[in-house]
Protein backbone atom coordinates (compact mmCIF):
# COMPACT_ATOMS: atom_id res chain seq x y z
CA UNK A 1 48.62 -32.03 26.69
CA UNK A 2 50.49 -28.83 27.63
CA UNK A 3 48.68 -25.75 28.75
CA UNK A 4 49.69 -23.98 25.56
CA UNK A 5 48.38 -27.00 23.39
CA UNK A 6 45.12 -27.03 25.16
CA UNK A 7 44.64 -23.19 24.74
CA UNK A 8 45.37 -23.64 21.04
CA UNK A 9 42.77 -26.49 20.72
CA UNK A 10 40.09 -24.35 22.40
CA UNK A 11 40.99 -21.40 20.21
CA UNK A 12 40.81 -23.43 17.08
CA UNK A 13 37.55 -25.16 17.93
CA UNK A 14 35.12 -22.46 16.76
CA UNK A 15 36.87 -22.12 13.46
CA UNK A 16 36.92 -25.94 12.80
CA UNK A 17 33.19 -25.86 13.40
CA UNK A 18 32.61 -23.07 11.05
CA UNK A 19 31.39 -25.24 8.13
CA UNK A 20 28.60 -26.57 10.24
CA UNK A 21 27.59 -23.08 11.41
CA UNK A 22 26.95 -22.11 7.86
CA UNK A 23 23.63 -23.93 8.20
CA UNK A 24 21.57 -24.60 4.95
CA UNK A 25 23.24 -25.14 1.76
CA UNK A 26 23.40 -22.40 -0.89
CA UNK A 27 20.45 -21.63 -3.08
CA UNK A 28 19.99 -20.37 -6.55
CA UNK A 29 16.80 -19.21 -8.42
CA UNK A 30 15.72 -21.90 -10.90
CA UNK A 31 12.58 -20.30 -12.41
CA UNK A 32 10.34 -17.18 -12.34
CA UNK A 33 6.66 -17.56 -13.05
CA UNK A 34 3.96 -14.92 -13.60
CA UNK A 35 0.60 -15.72 -12.27
CA UNK A 36 -2.20 -13.24 -13.42
CA UNK A 37 -5.74 -13.61 -12.30
CA UNK A 38 -9.00 -11.67 -11.81
CA UNK A 39 -9.35 -12.99 -8.29
CA UNK A 40 -12.98 -13.80 -9.12
CA UNK A 41 -14.19 -10.27 -9.20
CA UNK A 42 -12.56 -8.29 -12.06
CA UNK A 43 -9.37 -7.71 -10.28
CA UNK A 44 -6.04 -7.31 -12.29
CA UNK A 45 -3.71 -9.15 -9.96
CA UNK A 46 -0.28 -10.11 -10.88
CA UNK A 47 1.91 -12.29 -8.73
CA UNK A 48 5.51 -13.47 -9.13
CA UNK A 49 6.46 -17.05 -7.96
CA UNK A 50 10.19 -17.60 -7.66
CA UNK A 51 11.17 -21.18 -7.54
CA UNK A 52 14.47 -22.14 -6.05
CA UNK A 53 17.08 -24.96 -6.23
CA UNK A 54 15.86 -26.44 -2.96
CA UNK A 55 12.96 -28.79 -3.79
CA UNK A 56 9.49 -27.42 -2.73
CA UNK A 57 11.02 -23.99 -1.59
CA UNK A 58 9.56 -21.05 -3.45
CA UNK A 59 8.39 -17.47 -2.70
CA UNK A 60 5.35 -15.37 -3.90
CA UNK A 61 5.09 -11.49 -4.24
CA UNK A 62 2.71 -9.01 -5.58
CA UNK A 63 3.52 -7.05 -8.74
CA UNK A 64 -0.11 -5.95 -9.21
CA UNK A 65 -0.72 -2.82 -11.39
CA UNK A 66 -4.42 -2.34 -12.29
CA UNK A 67 -3.71 0.08 -15.01
CA UNK A 68 -0.65 -0.97 -16.81
CA UNK A 69 -1.12 -4.85 -16.17
CA UNK A 70 0.45 -6.04 -19.52
CA UNK A 71 3.37 -3.79 -19.30
CA UNK A 72 4.36 -5.30 -15.87
CA UNK A 73 3.74 -8.86 -17.12
CA UNK A 74 6.01 -8.36 -20.11
CA UNK A 75 8.64 -6.64 -17.88
CA UNK A 76 8.83 -9.67 -15.60
CA UNK A 77 8.74 -12.29 -18.30
CA UNK A 78 10.92 -10.67 -20.86
CA UNK A 79 13.42 -8.91 -18.55
CA UNK A 80 13.42 -9.70 -14.92
CA UNK A 81 13.06 -13.50 -15.13
CA UNK A 82 16.18 -14.08 -17.39
CA UNK A 83 18.17 -11.77 -15.29
CA UNK A 84 17.32 -13.73 -12.05
CA UNK A 85 18.04 -17.23 -13.14
CA UNK A 86 21.06 -18.69 -11.30
CA UNK A 87 21.16 -15.87 -8.73
CA UNK A 88 21.12 -16.32 -4.99
CA UNK A 89 17.79 -15.45 -3.41
CA UNK A 90 19.39 -14.91 -0.10
CA UNK A 91 20.73 -11.68 -1.28
CA UNK A 92 17.57 -9.54 -0.80
CA UNK A 93 19.25 -6.17 -0.69
CA UNK A 94 21.64 -6.73 -3.50
CA UNK A 95 19.03 -8.12 -5.84
CA UNK A 96 16.82 -5.23 -5.02
CA UNK A 97 19.42 -2.68 -5.79
CA UNK A 98 20.69 -4.49 -8.86
CA UNK A 99 17.09 -4.85 -10.00
CA UNK A 100 16.48 -1.13 -9.26
CA UNK A 101 19.44 -0.12 -11.44
CA UNK A 102 19.52 -2.66 -14.22
CA UNK A 103 16.82 -0.77 -16.23
CA UNK A 104 19.28 2.23 -16.11
CA UNK A 105 16.21 4.59 -16.03
CA UNK A 106 14.80 3.66 -12.47
CA UNK A 107 11.80 4.08 -10.50
CA UNK A 108 8.28 4.54 -12.22
CA UNK A 109 5.39 2.38 -11.49
CA UNK A 110 6.03 -0.49 -13.77
CA UNK A 111 9.55 -1.10 -12.62
CA UNK A 112 8.76 -0.75 -9.07
CA UNK A 113 5.89 -3.15 -9.23
CA UNK A 114 8.24 -5.49 -10.76
CA UNK A 115 10.71 -4.97 -7.99
CA UNK A 116 8.02 -5.36 -5.41
CA UNK A 117 7.00 -8.91 -6.71
CA UNK A 118 10.78 -9.86 -6.60
CA UNK A 119 11.21 -8.33 -3.22
CA UNK A 120 8.23 -9.93 -1.42
CA UNK A 121 8.97 -13.32 -3.07
CA UNK A 122 12.54 -13.20 -1.67
CA UNK A 123 11.42 -12.23 1.92
CA UNK A 124 8.89 -15.11 1.68
CA UNK A 125 11.67 -17.44 0.78
CA UNK A 126 13.92 -16.17 3.53
CA UNK A 127 11.22 -16.53 6.08
CA UNK A 128 10.31 -20.02 5.07
CA UNK A 129 13.97 -21.11 5.21
CA UNK A 130 14.44 -19.56 8.57
CA UNK A 131 11.10 -21.09 9.82
CA UNK A 132 9.84 -17.79 10.93
CA UNK A 133 7.33 -15.17 9.67
CA UNK A 134 8.71 -12.15 7.98
CA UNK A 135 7.90 -9.77 10.88
CA UNK A 136 10.32 -11.84 12.99
CA UNK A 137 13.20 -11.18 10.48
CA UNK A 138 12.25 -7.45 10.64
CA UNK A 139 12.74 -7.40 14.35
CA UNK A 140 9.55 -8.85 15.74
CA UNK A 141 6.18 -7.51 16.82
CA UNK A 142 5.95 -4.19 18.43
CA UNK A 143 2.10 -4.38 18.53
CA UNK A 144 -0.44 -7.10 19.05
CA UNK A 145 -2.46 -6.44 15.87
CA UNK A 146 -2.70 -3.89 13.03
CA UNK A 147 -5.62 -1.32 13.46
CA UNK A 148 -7.29 -0.52 10.26
CA UNK A 149 -9.71 2.35 9.26
CA UNK A 150 -13.08 1.43 7.82
CA UNK A 151 -14.75 3.09 4.64
CA UNK A 152 -18.15 4.75 5.16
CA UNK A 153 -20.32 6.70 3.07
CA UNK A 154 -23.71 7.55 1.63
CA UNK A 155 -25.69 9.74 -0.60
CA UNK A 156 -27.00 11.82 2.38
CA UNK A 157 -25.76 12.98 5.80
CA UNK A 158 -28.17 10.64 7.51
CA UNK A 159 -26.97 7.79 5.49
CA UNK A 160 -23.41 8.51 6.23
CA UNK A 161 -24.15 8.67 9.99
CA UNK A 162 -25.96 5.31 9.91
CA UNK A 163 -22.80 3.72 8.03
CA UNK A 164 -20.52 5.23 10.73
CA UNK A 165 -22.53 3.80 13.55
CA UNK A 166 -22.58 0.34 11.96
CA UNK A 167 -18.70 0.53 11.54
CA UNK A 168 -18.43 1.48 15.31
CA UNK A 169 -20.53 -1.45 16.20
CA UNK A 170 -18.17 -3.67 14.25
CA UNK A 171 -15.14 -2.39 16.36
CA UNK A 172 -13.60 0.17 14.14
CA UNK A 173 -12.22 3.30 15.82
CA UNK A 174 -10.82 4.80 12.67
CA UNK A 175 -13.32 5.62 9.87
CA UNK A 176 -12.76 7.25 6.47
CA UNK A 177 -15.99 9.23 5.31
CA UNK A 178 -16.90 10.08 1.75
CA UNK A 179 -20.12 11.53 0.50
CA UNK A 180 -20.99 9.45 -2.53
CA UNK A 181 -17.73 8.96 -4.37
CA UNK A 182 -14.46 10.87 -4.25
CA UNK A 183 -14.99 14.43 -4.18
CA UNK A 184 -18.42 13.99 -2.84
CA UNK A 185 -20.27 17.29 -2.36
CA UNK A 186 -18.38 18.86 -5.00
CA UNK A 187 -20.00 17.33 -8.05
CA UNK A 188 -22.49 19.08 -10.26
CA UNK A 189 -25.17 16.58 -11.56
CA UNK A 190 -25.12 15.43 -15.24
CA UNK A 191 -26.52 18.06 -17.60
CA UNK A 192 -26.73 20.77 -14.87
CA UNK A 193 -24.70 23.94 -14.63
CA UNK A 194 -23.34 26.31 -17.25
CA UNK A 195 -21.48 24.21 -19.87
CA UNK A 196 -19.94 24.99 -23.31
CA UNK A 197 -22.00 23.97 -26.39
CA UNK A 198 -21.56 20.30 -27.13
CA UNK A 199 -19.06 19.88 -24.31
CA UNK A 200 -18.73 17.48 -21.50
CA UNK A 201 -22.27 16.55 -20.18
CA UNK A 202 -21.43 14.12 -17.28
CA UNK A 203 -21.04 14.94 -13.64
CA UNK A 204 -18.57 17.78 -13.15
CA UNK A 205 -16.44 18.66 -10.24
CA UNK A 206 -16.35 22.03 -8.70
CA UNK A 207 -13.73 22.95 -6.21
CA UNK A 208 -15.64 25.88 -4.42
CA UNK A 209 -18.77 23.76 -4.05
CA UNK A 210 -16.58 20.95 -2.57
CA UNK A 211 -14.87 23.10 0.19
CA UNK A 212 -18.26 24.37 1.05
CA UNK A 213 -20.27 21.06 1.18
CA UNK A 214 -17.62 18.61 2.70
CA UNK A 215 -17.12 20.63 5.98
CA UNK A 216 -20.79 20.89 6.47
CA UNK A 217 -21.04 17.10 6.09
CA UNK A 218 -18.61 16.73 8.98
CA UNK A 219 -20.53 19.27 11.06
CA UNK A 220 -23.56 17.03 10.76
CA UNK A 221 -21.57 13.87 11.44
CA UNK A 222 -19.77 15.10 14.51
CA UNK A 223 -23.14 16.44 15.96
CA UNK A 224 -24.50 12.74 15.76
CA UNK A 225 -21.44 10.56 16.63
CA UNK A 226 -19.39 12.92 18.73
CA UNK A 227 -15.54 13.24 18.78
CA UNK A 228 -14.87 9.65 19.80
CA UNK A 229 -14.51 8.20 16.37
CA UNK A 230 -11.17 9.08 14.54
CA UNK A 231 -12.33 10.38 11.18
CA UNK A 232 -10.47 10.63 7.85
CA UNK A 233 -11.38 11.84 4.43
CA UNK A 234 -9.80 11.37 0.98
CA UNK A 235 -9.80 14.39 -1.27
CA UNK A 236 -8.01 12.45 -4.11
CA UNK A 237 -5.89 15.26 -5.16
CA UNK A 238 -8.94 17.17 -6.40
CA UNK A 239 -8.12 20.57 -4.97
CA UNK A 240 -5.57 23.02 -6.18
CA UNK A 241 -3.45 25.62 -4.21
CA UNK A 242 -5.30 28.14 -1.92
CA UNK A 243 -8.56 26.00 -2.17
CA UNK A 244 -6.61 23.07 -0.43
CA UNK A 245 -5.41 25.31 2.36
CA UNK A 246 -8.87 26.76 2.93
CA UNK A 247 -10.47 23.24 2.98
CA UNK A 248 -8.01 22.11 5.68
CA UNK A 249 -8.52 25.15 7.62
CA UNK A 250 -12.33 24.69 7.66
CA UNK A 251 -12.30 20.91 8.78
CA UNK A 252 -9.71 21.57 11.60
CA UNK A 253 -12.49 22.10 14.06
CA UNK A 254 -13.53 18.39 13.48
CA UNK A 255 -10.21 17.03 14.87
CA UNK A 256 -9.59 14.85 11.78
CA UNK A 257 -7.32 11.77 12.22
CA UNK A 258 -6.08 12.81 8.70
CA UNK A 259 -7.05 14.44 5.36
CA UNK A 260 -5.63 12.41 2.49
CA UNK A 261 -4.02 13.75 -0.63
CA UNK A 262 -5.57 17.23 -0.52
CA UNK A 263 -3.06 18.21 -3.46
CA UNK A 264 -1.80 16.55 -6.49
CA UNK A 265 1.82 15.35 -6.48
CA UNK A 266 2.72 18.34 -8.81
CA UNK A 267 1.67 20.73 -6.08
CA UNK A 268 3.49 19.62 -3.01
CA UNK A 269 4.90 22.99 -2.09
CA UNK A 270 1.46 24.08 -0.82
CA UNK A 271 1.82 21.80 2.10
CA UNK A 272 4.04 24.55 3.46
CA UNK A 273 1.05 26.94 3.34
CA UNK A 274 -1.32 24.35 4.87
CA UNK A 275 1.10 23.80 7.91
CA UNK A 276 1.19 27.49 8.47
CA UNK A 277 -2.56 27.81 8.28
CA UNK A 278 -3.91 24.97 10.37
CA UNK A 279 -3.08 21.78 12.38
CA UNK A 280 -5.17 19.49 10.27
CA UNK A 281 -3.15 16.22 9.83
CA UNK A 282 -1.92 15.36 6.31
CA UNK A 283 -1.68 11.95 4.83
CA UNK A 284 0.15 12.02 1.34
CA UNK A 285 1.36 9.92 -1.38
CA UNK A 286 -1.15 7.26 -2.62
CA UNK A 287 0.08 7.85 -6.30
CA UNK A 288 3.83 8.08 -5.40
CA UNK A 289 5.96 5.39 -6.77
CA UNK A 290 9.38 6.85 -5.90
CA UNK A 291 10.13 6.32 -2.25
CA UNK A 292 12.39 9.37 -2.30
CA UNK A 293 9.54 11.58 -3.17
CA UNK A 294 8.56 11.43 0.59
CA UNK A 295 12.03 12.75 1.79
CA UNK A 296 11.44 16.53 1.74
CA UNK A 297 7.77 16.22 2.98
CA UNK A 298 8.97 13.88 5.84
CA UNK A 299 12.21 15.77 6.87
CA UNK A 300 10.46 19.09 6.86
CA UNK A 301 7.60 17.64 8.85
CA UNK A 302 5.05 18.97 6.37
CA UNK A 303 2.97 15.87 6.48
CA UNK A 304 1.79 13.41 9.22
CA UNK A 305 1.38 10.09 7.21
CA UNK A 306 3.03 8.41 4.32
CA UNK A 307 0.28 7.01 2.27
CA UNK A 308 2.01 4.95 -0.44
CA UNK A 309 1.09 1.34 -1.56
CA UNK A 310 3.88 -1.05 -0.53
CA UNK A 311 3.88 -2.79 -4.03
CA UNK A 312 4.08 0.67 -5.81
CA UNK A 313 7.32 1.69 -4.20
CA UNK A 314 9.06 -1.56 -4.63
CA UNK A 315 8.17 -3.96 -1.83
CA UNK A 316 9.15 -4.50 1.85
CA UNK A 317 12.73 -3.43 1.57
CA UNK A 318 11.94 0.30 0.63
CA UNK A 319 8.90 0.26 2.82
CA UNK A 320 10.81 -0.59 6.08
CA UNK A 321 13.50 1.99 5.08
CA UNK A 322 10.72 4.62 4.58
CA UNK A 323 9.10 3.78 7.90
CA UNK A 324 12.48 4.29 9.59
CA UNK A 325 12.84 7.77 7.89
CA UNK A 326 9.39 8.49 9.30
CA UNK A 327 10.22 7.25 12.75
CA UNK A 328 13.14 9.73 12.94
CA UNK A 329 10.98 12.60 12.05
CA UNK A 330 7.77 11.96 14.02
CA UNK A 331 5.55 10.91 10.91
CA UNK A 332 3.59 7.72 10.79
CA UNK A 333 2.75 5.15 8.03
CA UNK A 334 -0.69 4.65 6.53
CA UNK A 335 -0.04 2.43 3.73
CA UNK A 336 -2.78 2.36 0.82
CA UNK A 337 -4.04 -1.23 0.78
CA UNK A 338 -7.69 -0.76 -0.37
CA UNK A 339 -9.38 -0.80 -3.81
CA UNK A 340 -7.96 -3.16 -6.27
CA UNK A 341 -5.15 -4.14 -4.02
CA UNK A 342 -4.59 -7.92 -3.61
CA UNK A 343 -4.01 -10.02 -0.36
CA UNK A 344 -0.22 -10.82 -0.82
CA UNK A 345 0.40 -7.01 -0.88
CA UNK A 346 -1.86 -6.52 2.18
CA UNK A 347 0.08 -9.07 4.10
CA UNK A 348 3.44 -7.59 3.02
CA UNK A 349 2.25 -4.30 4.53
CA UNK A 350 0.97 -6.15 7.62
CA UNK A 351 4.45 -7.43 8.18
CA UNK A 352 6.06 -3.96 8.03
CA UNK A 353 3.33 -2.50 10.17
CA UNK A 354 3.35 -4.97 13.01
CA UNK A 355 7.00 -4.92 13.31
CA UNK A 356 7.77 -1.01 13.11
CA UNK A 357 7.18 1.75 15.72
CA UNK A 358 6.48 4.37 12.93
CA UNK A 359 3.18 2.64 12.12
CA UNK A 360 -0.03 4.77 12.27
CA UNK A 361 -2.87 3.02 10.53
CA UNK A 362 -3.64 0.66 7.62
CA UNK A 363 -6.47 0.71 5.16
CA UNK A 364 -8.97 -2.06 5.54
CA UNK A 365 -9.76 -4.35 2.49
CA UNK A 366 -11.85 -7.43 2.65
CA UNK A 367 -11.58 -10.03 -0.30
CA UNK A 368 -14.45 -12.23 -1.65
CA UNK A 369 -14.44 -15.95 -0.76
CA UNK A 370 -13.09 -17.15 -4.03
CA UNK A 371 -10.02 -14.95 -3.57
CA UNK A 372 -9.47 -16.23 -0.07
CA UNK A 373 -9.70 -19.89 -1.44
CA UNK A 374 -7.35 -18.94 -4.11
CA UNK A 375 -4.80 -17.37 -1.76
CA UNK A 376 -4.88 -19.56 1.50
CA UNK A 377 -3.47 -17.71 4.47
CA UNK A 378 -5.19 -14.24 3.69
CA UNK A 379 -5.09 -11.80 6.52
CA UNK A 380 -8.37 -11.48 8.44
CA UNK A 381 -10.01 -8.31 9.81
CA UNK A 382 -11.77 -8.65 13.01
CA UNK A 383 -13.16 -5.90 15.36
CA UNK A 384 -11.25 -3.22 13.51
CA UNK A 385 -7.86 -4.94 13.55
CA UNK A 386 -6.02 -6.84 10.82
CA UNK A 387 -4.39 -10.24 11.90
CA UNK A 388 -1.78 -12.18 9.91
CA UNK A 389 -0.74 -15.57 10.87
CA UNK A 390 2.45 -17.03 12.43
CA UNK A 391 3.44 -19.22 9.44
CA UNK A 392 6.82 -18.96 8.01
CA UNK A 393 7.55 -16.33 5.30
CA UNK A 394 4.67 -13.99 4.31
CA UNK A 395 2.14 -16.77 5.58
CA UNK A 396 0.23 -16.96 2.27
CA UNK A 397 0.14 -19.27 -0.73
CA UNK A 398 -1.49 -19.50 -4.03
CA UNK A 399 -3.73 -22.20 -5.70
CA UNK A 400 -2.39 -21.86 -9.34
CA UNK A 401 -5.16 -24.15 -10.70
CA UNK A 402 -7.86 -22.03 -9.19
CA UNK A 403 -6.11 -18.70 -10.34
CA UNK A 404 -6.09 -20.05 -13.81
CA UNK A 405 -9.83 -20.57 -13.77
CA UNK A 406 -10.13 -16.77 -13.15
CA UNK A 407 -8.17 -15.12 -15.95
CA UNK A 408 -7.94 -11.28 -16.30
CA UNK A 409 -10.70 -10.02 -18.39
CA UNK A 410 -10.27 -8.13 -21.60
CA UNK A 411 -9.78 -4.41 -21.07
CA UNK A 412 -11.93 -1.74 -22.50
CA UNK A 413 -10.09 1.36 -23.77
CA UNK A 414 -6.85 0.14 -22.38
CA UNK A 415 -8.11 -0.33 -18.92
CA UNK A 416 -7.66 3.30 -17.92
CA UNK A 417 -8.26 5.00 -14.73
CA UNK A 418 -11.63 6.82 -14.68
CA UNK A 419 -11.07 10.56 -14.65
CA UNK A 420 -13.37 13.39 -13.44
CA UNK A 421 -13.79 16.59 -15.43
CA UNK A 422 -14.84 20.17 -14.58
CA UNK A 423 -17.79 21.91 -16.17
CA UNK A 424 -15.74 23.18 -19.11
CA UNK A 425 -14.36 19.70 -19.72
CA UNK A 426 -11.02 19.96 -18.27
CA UNK A 427 -9.44 16.81 -16.64
CA UNK A 428 -9.21 16.78 -12.86
CA UNK A 429 -6.03 15.33 -11.38
CA UNK A 430 -6.63 11.99 -9.38
């Protein structure tokens, strides 16, 4: 063999081996199933199961929407499933983009829940095929576990302090405090106050009462537990304009970790006035469904934490992009994973959180034993930290037979979100 022939043989070798380097055979999507369940506790969980052409290989994702449940189910069964059959599940970004645009009118909570279920299931498949947890595919761990904030409250200052002390004893450093329910301290009891004749007779929200009572609650709590705990509070969009500014100014002295959603999404320009008036950190976006809603708030550095739910904005793919936007502007993530959230979505957030430097905090959520049995592989909270597992994909599965034993219960009045009202009967924005 001449020197030239030897060189040509070596040069050709990598290309001759190319078919073997392609690795696993191509996949197609064979079926899309919707699994809806109450989780054994009145939840309205919607899961997508994407079944591939490889025997035994499937992915699951969360498309849960507590308030428009049947709309999401119909959108998956009647529109998404027929669209996906025969497509390549490896093409996560392409399927997300085409799924986002196939409805022509894009975004909105229903379609983004649908996209989320698709997206999480595709990442689950990708991880299982690679033999890696999803966080490895996102770049690997940048922290050992995911710190969470706890929920504390009570109907008196003393009860709140007792709740906080128990949380600290359980290892939590970050604690959200509410007096009673949302807007605690700002509610006028049922039947009291000056009301219109034959009008609203239930508890009524009053903004001025709220901005007077809640800072006093924090005065008491800080006097008892000191400034070691990192405290949060959720206003739930109940304040408007200058009242929101004044409230944030009054709680600045308590060195809050953040104040959540002090304004409704319709009044975001007021965050400029808050920034000019105080340094109280702002967490925003629990009811956002469009990831780009965050862009002006983040790029102008008007907020400190993005507070959306991963399944509400379309899944892992947009969540990791949003986290990178935050990283470049000194903002952090605080994904909203409490309340009626499900374990699959919680783990999807975990994979983004543990692999991204822009992480700030995650909301805790503990699920009943029946839900953990139904969804083996649930994340666990210990000592104030959320732990996933090292199983391939999302690391969670679903027992369909057990899920079927706990169907979603019939709705009353359409399954609406409970709204608060003022003394004169006007609706308060959540």
